[in-house]
Amino acid sequence: MAPTPQLSKRDVSRQEIERRILSAAEKVFAEAGFKGASMQKIADSSGLPKANLHYYFSTKEKLYRRVVQDIF
């Protein structure tokens, strides 16, 4: 069995930020729907600057697709 590669602190941090964004986005989309949700609302809910959201997900549609993909 091959050893599991270790994740760097940077990779762990990136995964944590992405998890925070996805969790916040899921809640905002569930409450407001796609049209009612905004990247600013998701940023506020995640406690991150809106610029961080755009770094990880360039559009609201891409973020929505990822949320839906993770659900299914």
PDB file of N, CA and C in Angstrom:
ATOM      1  N   MET A   1       0.846  -1.172   0.000  1.00  0.00           N
ATOM      2  CA  MET A   1       0.000   0.000   0.000  1.00  0.00           C
ATOM      3  C   MET A   1       0.894   1.240   0.000  1.00  0.00           C
ATOM      4  N   ALA A   2       0.608   2.166  -0.889  1.00  0.00           N
ATOM      5  CA  ALA A   2       1.426   3.373  -1.014  1.00  0.00           C
ATOM      6  C   ALA A   2       1.143   4.319   0.143  1.00  0.00           C
ATOM      7  N   PRO A   3       2.159   5.038   0.617  1.00  0.00           N
ATOM      8  CA  PRO A   3       1.941   5.993   1.706  1.00  0.00           C
ATOM      9  C   PRO A   3       1.068   7.157   1.239  1.00  0.00           C
ATOM     10  N   THR A   4       0.286   7.689   2.148  1.00  0.00           N
ATOM     11  CA  THR A   4      -0.555   8.846   1.851  1.00  0.00           C
ATOM     12  C   THR A   4       0.319  10.089   1.819  1.00  0.00           C
ATOM     13  N   PRO A   5       0.244  10.866   0.730  1.00  0.00           N
ATOM     14  CA  PRO A   5       1.070  12.080   0.666  1.00  0.00           C
ATOM     15  C   PRO A   5       0.610  13.090   1.709  1.00  0.00           C
ATOM     16  N   GLN A   6       1.557  13.778   2.302  1.00  0.00           N
ATOM     17  CA  GLN A   6       1.253  14.794   3.295  1.00  0.00           C
ATOM     18  C   GLN A   6       0.836  16.089   2.593  1.00  0.00           C
ATOM     19  N   LEU A   7      -0.168  16.733   3.134  1.00  0.00           N
ATOM     20  CA  LEU A   7      -0.592  18.018   2.599  1.00  0.00           C
ATOM     21  C   LEU A   7       0.212  19.130   3.259  1.00  0.00           C
ATOM     22  N   SER A   8       0.594  20.102   2.464  1.00  0.00           N
ATOM     23  CA  SER A   8       1.301  21.248   3.025  1.00  0.00           C
ATOM     24  C   SER A   8       0.315  22.126   3.791  1.00  0.00           C
ATOM     25  N   LYS A   9       0.840  23.013   4.623  1.00  0.00           N
ATOM     26  CA  LYS A   9      -0.013  23.943   5.359  1.00  0.00           C
ATOM     27  C   LYS A   9      -0.829  24.795   4.393  1.00  0.00           C
ATOM     28  N   ARG A  10      -0.227  25.125   3.275  1.00  0.00           N
ATOM     29  CA  ARG A  10      -0.912  25.936   2.266  1.00  0.00           C
ATOM     30  C   ARG A  10      -2.106  25.178   1.694  1.00  0.00           C
ATOM     31  N   ASP A  11      -1.910  23.879   1.413  1.00  0.00           N
ATOM     32  CA  ASP A  11      -3.002  23.065   0.888  1.00  0.00           C
ATOM     33  C   ASP A  11      -4.126  22.922   1.909  1.00  0.00           C
ATOM     34  N   VAL A  12      -3.769  22.724   3.157  1.00  0.00           N
ATOM     35  CA  VAL A  12      -4.765  22.597   4.219  1.00  0.00           C
ATOM     36  C   VAL A  12      -5.532  23.902   4.356  1.00  0.00           C
ATOM     37  N   SER A  13      -4.829  25.017   4.340  1.00  0.00           N
ATOM     38  CA  SER A  13      -5.470  26.320   4.446  1.00  0.00           C
ATOM     39  C   SER A  13      -6.421  26.548   3.275  1.00  0.00           C
ATOM     40  N   ARG A  14      -5.983  26.211   2.085  1.00  0.00           N
ATOM     41  CA  ARG A  14      -6.825  26.367   0.885  1.00  0.00           C
ATOM     42  C   ARG A  14      -8.087  25.520   1.007  1.00  0.00           C
ATOM     43  N   GLN A  15      -7.934  24.294   1.467  1.00  0.00           N
ATOM     44  CA  GLN A  15      -9.089  23.411   1.634  1.00  0.00           C
ATOM     45  C   GLN A  15     -10.054  23.959   2.680  1.00  0.00           C
ATOM     46  N   GLU A  16      -9.524  24.503   3.759  1.00  0.00           N
ATOM     47  CA  GLU A  16     -10.361  25.066   4.815  1.00  0.00           C
ATOM     48  C   GLU A  16     -11.134  26.276   4.309  1.00  0.00           C
ATOM     49  N   ILE A  17     -10.484  27.148   3.580  1.00  0.00           N
ATOM     50  CA  ILE A  17     -11.160  28.329   3.032  1.00  0.00           C
ATOM     51  C   ILE A  17     -12.242  27.904   2.052  1.00  0.00           C
ATOM     52  N   GLU A  18     -11.914  26.956   1.187  1.00  0.00           N
ATOM     53  CA  GLU A  18     -12.894  26.470   0.219  1.00  0.00           C
ATOM     54  C   GLU A  18     -14.086  25.843   0.943  1.00  0.00           C
ATOM     55  N   ARG A  19     -13.829  25.101   2.010  1.00  0.00           N
ATOM     56  CA  ARG A  19     -14.905  24.481   2.783  1.00  0.00           C
ATOM     57  C   ARG A  19     -15.807  25.548   3.394  1.00  0.00           C
ATOM     58  N   ARG A  20     -15.206  26.619   3.930  1.00  0.00           N
ATOM     59  CA  ARG A  20     -15.987  27.720   4.506  1.00  0.00           C
ATOM     60  C   ARG A  20     -16.866  28.385   3.457  1.00  0.00           C
ATOM     61  N   ILE A  21     -16.306  28.614   2.279  1.00  0.00           N
ATOM     62  CA  ILE A  21     -17.068  29.243   1.196  1.00  0.00           C
ATOM     63  C   ILE A  21     -18.230  28.347   0.786  1.00  0.00           C
ATOM     64  N   LEU A  22     -17.961  27.066   0.574  1.00  0.00           N
ATOM     65  CA  LEU A  22     -19.001  26.146   0.124  1.00  0.00           C
ATOM     66  C   LEU A  22     -20.111  25.988   1.160  1.00  0.00           C
ATOM     67  N   SER A  23     -19.745  25.943   2.417  1.00  0.00           N
ATOM     68  CA  SER A  23     -20.739  25.826   3.482  1.00  0.00           C
ATOM     69  C   SER A  23     -21.631  27.061   3.524  1.00  0.00           C
ATOM     70  N   ALA A  24     -21.025  28.232   3.468  1.00  0.00           N
ATOM     71  CA  ALA A  24     -21.790  29.478   3.472  1.00  0.00           C
ATOM     72  C   ALA A  24     -22.658  29.586   2.228  1.00  0.00           C
ATOM     73  N   ALA A  25     -22.107  29.215   1.084  1.00  0.00           N
ATOM     74  CA  ALA A  25     -22.852  29.298  -0.173  1.00  0.00           C
ATOM     75  C   ALA A  25     -24.061  28.374  -0.153  1.00  0.00           C
ATOM     76  N   GLU A  26     -23.893  27.181   0.372  1.00  0.00           N
ATOM     77  CA  GLU A  26     -25.016  26.247   0.442  1.00  0.00           C
ATOM     78  C   GLU A  26     -26.161  26.854   1.251  1.00  0.00           C
ATOM     79  N   LYS A  27     -25.843  27.467   2.372  1.00  0.00           N
ATOM     80  CA  LYS A  27     -26.875  28.080   3.220  1.00  0.00           C
ATOM     81  C   LYS A  27     -27.547  29.258   2.517  1.00  0.00           C
ATOM     82  N   VAL A  28     -26.751  30.116   1.905  1.00  0.00           N
ATOM     83  CA  VAL A  28     -27.311  31.296   1.236  1.00  0.00           C
ATOM     84  C   VAL A  28     -28.162  30.882   0.039  1.00  0.00           C
ATOM     85  N   PHE A  29     -27.692  29.941  -0.764  1.00  0.00           N
ATOM     86  CA  PHE A  29     -28.484  29.477  -1.909  1.00  0.00           C
ATOM     87  C   PHE A  29     -29.779  28.817  -1.435  1.00  0.00           C
ATOM     88  N   ALA A  30     -29.725  28.061  -0.350  1.00  0.00           N
ATOM     89  CA  ALA A  30     -30.927  27.403   0.178  1.00  0.00           C
ATOM     90  C   ALA A  30     -31.945  28.433   0.660  1.00  0.00           C
ATOM     91  N   GLU A  31     -31.460  29.498   1.270  1.00  0.00           N
ATOM     92  CA  GLU A  31     -32.365  30.526   1.799  1.00  0.00           C
ATOM     93  C   GLU A  31     -32.889  31.475   0.720  1.00  0.00           C
ATOM     94  N   ALA A  32     -32.030  31.868  -0.206  1.00  0.00           N
ATOM     95  CA  ALA A  32     -32.381  32.932  -1.151  1.00  0.00           C
ATOM     96  C   ALA A  32     -32.574  32.452  -2.584  1.00  0.00           C
ATOM     97  N   GLY A  33     -32.175  31.225  -2.888  1.00  0.00           N
ATOM     98  CA  GLY A  33     -32.212  30.767  -4.270  1.00  0.00           C
ATOM     99  C   GLY A  33     -31.058  31.354  -5.060  1.00  0.00           C
ATOM    100  N   PHE A  34     -30.901  30.901  -6.290  1.00  0.00           N
ATOM    101  CA  PHE A  34     -29.768  31.375  -7.101  1.00  0.00           C
ATOM    102  C   PHE A  34     -29.863  32.877  -7.352  1.00  0.00           C
ATOM    103  N   LYS A  35     -31.045  33.342  -7.777  1.00  0.00           N
ATOM    104  CA  LYS A  35     -31.194  34.767  -8.116  1.00  0.00           C
ATOM    105  C   LYS A  35     -31.076  35.671  -6.897  1.00  0.00           C
ATOM    106  N   GLY A  36     -31.565  35.222  -5.767  1.00  0.00           N
ATOM    107  CA  GLY A  36     -31.539  36.054  -4.561  1.00  0.00           C
ATOM    108  C   GLY A  36     -30.200  36.066  -3.850  1.00  0.00           C
ATOM    109  N   ALA A  37     -29.371  35.071  -4.141  1.00  0.00           N
ATOM    110  CA  ALA A  37     -28.044  34.992  -3.514  1.00  0.00           C
ATOM    111  C   ALA A  37     -27.095  35.943  -4.223  1.00  0.00           C
ATOM    112  N   SER A  38     -26.183  36.492  -3.471  1.00  0.00           N
ATOM    113  CA  SER A  38     -25.146  37.331  -4.074  1.00  0.00           C
ATOM    114  C   SER A  38     -23.800  36.894  -3.516  1.00  0.00           C
ATOM    115  N   MET A  39     -22.772  37.186  -4.261  1.00  0.00           N
ATOM    116  CA  MET A  39     -21.431  36.852  -3.790  1.00  0.00           C
ATOM    117  C   MET A  39     -21.132  37.613  -2.496  1.00  0.00           C
ATOM    118  N   GLN A  40     -21.666  38.814  -2.357  1.00  0.00           N
ATOM    119  CA  GLN A  40     -21.445  39.581  -1.132  1.00  0.00           C
ATOM    120  C   GLN A  40     -22.115  38.910   0.061  1.00  0.00           C
ATOM    121  N   LYS A  41     -23.345  38.412  -0.123  1.00  0.00           N
ATOM    122  CA  LYS A  41     -24.030  37.705   0.968  1.00  0.00           C
ATOM    123  C   LYS A  41     -23.245  36.456   1.375  1.00  0.00           C
ATOM    124  N   ILE A  42     -22.733  35.746   0.390  1.00  0.00           N
ATOM    125  CA  ILE A  42     -21.964  34.534   0.673  1.00  0.00           C
ATOM    126  C   ILE A  42     -20.662  34.899   1.388  1.00  0.00           C
ATOM    127  N   ALA A  43     -20.019  35.952   0.926  1.00  0.00           N
ATOM    128  CA  ALA A  43     -18.781  36.413   1.583  1.00  0.00           C
ATOM    129  C   ALA A  43     -19.061  36.786   3.031  1.00  0.00           C
ATOM    130  N   ASP A  44     -20.118  37.537   3.260  1.00  0.00           N
ATOM    131  CA  ASP A  44     -20.470  37.941   4.624  1.00  0.00           C
ATOM    132  C   ASP A  44     -20.745  36.719   5.495  1.00  0.00           C
ATOM    133  N   SER A  45     -21.457  35.754   4.945  1.00  0.00           N
ATOM    134  CA  SER A  45     -21.792  34.545   5.695  1.00  0.00           C
ATOM    135  C   SER A  45     -20.563  33.696   6.014  1.00  0.00           C
ATOM    136  N   SER A  46     -19.591  33.712   5.110  1.00  0.00           N
ATOM    137  CA  SER A  46     -18.379  32.915   5.314  1.00  0.00           C
ATOM    138  C   SER A  46     -17.341  33.640   6.174  1.00  0.00           C
ATOM    139  N   GLY A  47     -17.517  34.947   6.346  1.00  0.00           N
ATOM    140  CA  GLY A  47     -16.547  35.728   7.109  1.00  0.00           C
ATOM    141  C   GLY A  47     -15.280  36.028   6.336  1.00  0.00           C
ATOM    142  N   LEU A  48     -15.382  35.963   5.025  1.00  0.00           N
ATOM    143  CA  LEU A  48     -14.229  36.222   4.158  1.00  0.00           C
ATOM    144  C   LEU A  48     -14.513  37.416   3.262  1.00  0.00           C
ATOM    145  N   PRO A  49     -13.477  38.106   2.801  1.00  0.00           N
ATOM    146  CA  PRO A  49     -13.690  39.193   1.835  1.00  0.00           C
ATOM    147  C   PRO A  49     -14.235  38.640   0.514  1.00  0.00           C
ATOM    148  N   LYS A  50     -15.057  39.433  -0.150  1.00  0.00           N
ATOM    149  CA  LYS A  50     -15.639  39.019  -1.429  1.00  0.00           C
ATOM    150  C   LYS A  50     -14.544  38.670  -2.447  1.00  0.00           C
ATOM    151  N   ALA A  51     -13.426  39.359  -2.383  1.00  0.00           N
ATOM    152  CA  ALA A  51     -12.321  39.076  -3.311  1.00  0.00           C
ATOM    153  C   ALA A  51     -11.834  37.632  -3.163  1.00  0.00           C
ATOM    154  N   ASN A  52     -11.867  37.098  -1.938  1.00  0.00           N
ATOM    155  CA  ASN A  52     -11.459  35.704  -1.744  1.00  0.00           C
ATOM    156  C   ASN A  52     -12.399  34.751  -2.471  1.00  0.00           C
ATOM    157  N   LEU A  53     -13.697  35.044  -2.438  1.00  0.00           N
ATOM    158  CA  LEU A  53     -14.646  34.190  -3.143  1.00  0.00           C
ATOM    159  C   LEU A  53     -14.319  34.155  -4.626  1.00  0.00           C
ATOM    160  N   HIS A  54     -14.036  35.327  -5.177  1.00  0.00           N
ATOM    161  CA  HIS A  54     -13.741  35.395  -6.610  1.00  0.00           C
ATOM    162  C   HIS A  54     -12.406  34.735  -6.952  1.00  0.00           C
ATOM    163  N   TYR A  55     -11.508  34.656  -6.001  1.00  0.00           N
ATOM    164  CA  TYR A  55     -10.249  33.944  -6.227  1.00  0.00           C
ATOM    165  C   TYR A  55     -10.512  32.444  -6.377  1.00  0.00           C
ATOM    166  N   TYR A  56     -11.396  31.907  -5.551  1.00  0.00           N
ATOM    167  CA  TYR A  56     -11.695  30.477  -5.571  1.00  0.00           C
ATOM    168  C   TYR A  56     -12.763  30.114  -6.591  1.00  0.00           C
ATOM    169  N   PHE A  57     -13.730  30.991  -6.790  1.00  0.00           N
ATOM    170  CA  PHE A  57     -14.839  30.755  -7.730  1.00  0.00           C
ATOM    171  C   PHE A  57     -15.089  32.058  -8.475  1.00  0.00           C
ATOM    172  N   SER A  58     -14.738  32.082  -9.735  1.00  0.00           N
ATOM    173  CA  SER A  58     -14.767  33.346 -10.486  1.00  0.00           C
ATOM    174  C   SER A  58     -16.175  33.889 -10.718  1.00  0.00           C
ATOM    175  N   THR A  59     -17.190  33.016 -10.697  1.00  0.00           N
ATOM    176  CA  THR A  59     -18.558  33.479 -10.899  1.00  0.00           C
ATOM    177  C   THR A  59     -19.495  32.806  -9.906  1.00  0.00           C
ATOM    178  N   LYS A  60     -20.649  33.416  -9.711  1.00  0.00           N
ATOM    179  CA  LYS A  60     -21.670  32.838  -8.837  1.00  0.00           C
ATOM    180  C   LYS A  60     -22.148  31.505  -9.417  1.00  0.00           C
ATOM    181  N   GLU A  61     -22.256  31.434 -10.726  1.00  0.00           N
ATOM    182  CA  GLU A  61     -22.704  30.188 -11.365  1.00  0.00           C
ATOM    183  C   GLU A  61     -21.734  29.035 -11.091  1.00  0.00           C
ATOM    184  N   LYS A  62     -20.432  29.296 -11.184  1.00  0.00           N
ATOM    185  CA  LYS A  62     -19.444  28.249 -10.901  1.00  0.00           C
ATOM    186  C   LYS A  62     -19.527  27.795  -9.450  1.00  0.00           C
ATOM    187  N   LEU A  63     -19.735  28.729  -8.546  1.00  0.00           N
ATOM    188  CA  LEU A  63     -19.877  28.391  -7.133  1.00  0.00           C
ATOM    189  C   LEU A  63     -21.152  27.572  -6.920  1.00  0.00           C
ATOM    190  N   TYR A  64     -22.241  27.981  -7.539  1.00  0.00           N
ATOM    191  CA  TYR A  64     -23.501  27.252  -7.419  1.00  0.00           C
ATOM    192  C   TYR A  64     -23.367  25.826  -7.947  1.00  0.00           C
ATOM    193  N   ARG A  65     -22.735  25.689  -9.106  1.00  0.00           N
ATOM    194  CA  ARG A  65     -22.547  24.346  -9.685  1.00  0.00           C
ATOM    195  C   ARG A  65     -21.738  23.454  -8.744  1.00  0.00           C
ATOM    196  N   ARG A  66     -20.725  24.014  -8.103  1.00  0.00           N
ATOM    197  CA  ARG A  66     -19.905  23.233  -7.170  1.00  0.00           C
ATOM    198  C   ARG A  66     -20.714  22.823  -5.948  1.00  0.00           C
ATOM    199  N   VAL A  67     -21.536  23.723  -5.443  1.00  0.00           N
ATOM    200  CA  VAL A  67     -22.386  23.398  -4.287  1.00  0.00           C
ATOM    201  C   VAL A  67     -23.321  22.246  -4.652  1.00  0.00           C
ATOM    202  N   VAL A  68     -23.987  22.357  -5.799  1.00  0.00           N
ATOM    203  CA  VAL A  68     -24.912  21.316  -6.231  1.00  0.00           C
ATOM    204  C   VAL A  68     -24.170  19.998  -6.469  1.00  0.00           C
ATOM    205  N   GLN A  69     -23.020  20.065  -7.103  1.00  0.00           N
ATOM    206  CA  GLN A  69     -22.210  18.866  -7.348  1.00  0.00           C
ATOM    207  C   GLN A  69     -21.840  18.174  -6.037  1.00  0.00           C
ATOM    208  N   ASP A  70     -21.460  18.952  -5.044  1.00  0.00           N
ATOM    209  CA  ASP A  70     -21.071  18.373  -3.748  1.00  0.00           C
ATOM    210  C   ASP A  70     -22.267  17.745  -3.035  1.00  0.00           C
ATOM    211  N   ILE A  71     -23.439  18.293  -3.239  1.00  0.00           N
ATOM    212  CA  ILE A  71     -24.654  17.727  -2.621  1.00  0.00           C
ATOM    213  C   ILE A  71     -24.956  16.362  -3.222  1.00  0.00           C
ATOM    214  N   PHE A  72     -24.825  16.272  -4.535  1.00  0.00           N
ATOM    215  CA  PHE A  72     -25.121  15.000  -5.207  1.00  0.00           C
ATOM    216  C   PHE A  72     -23.881  14.146  -5.267  1.00  0.00           C
TER     217      PHE A  72
END
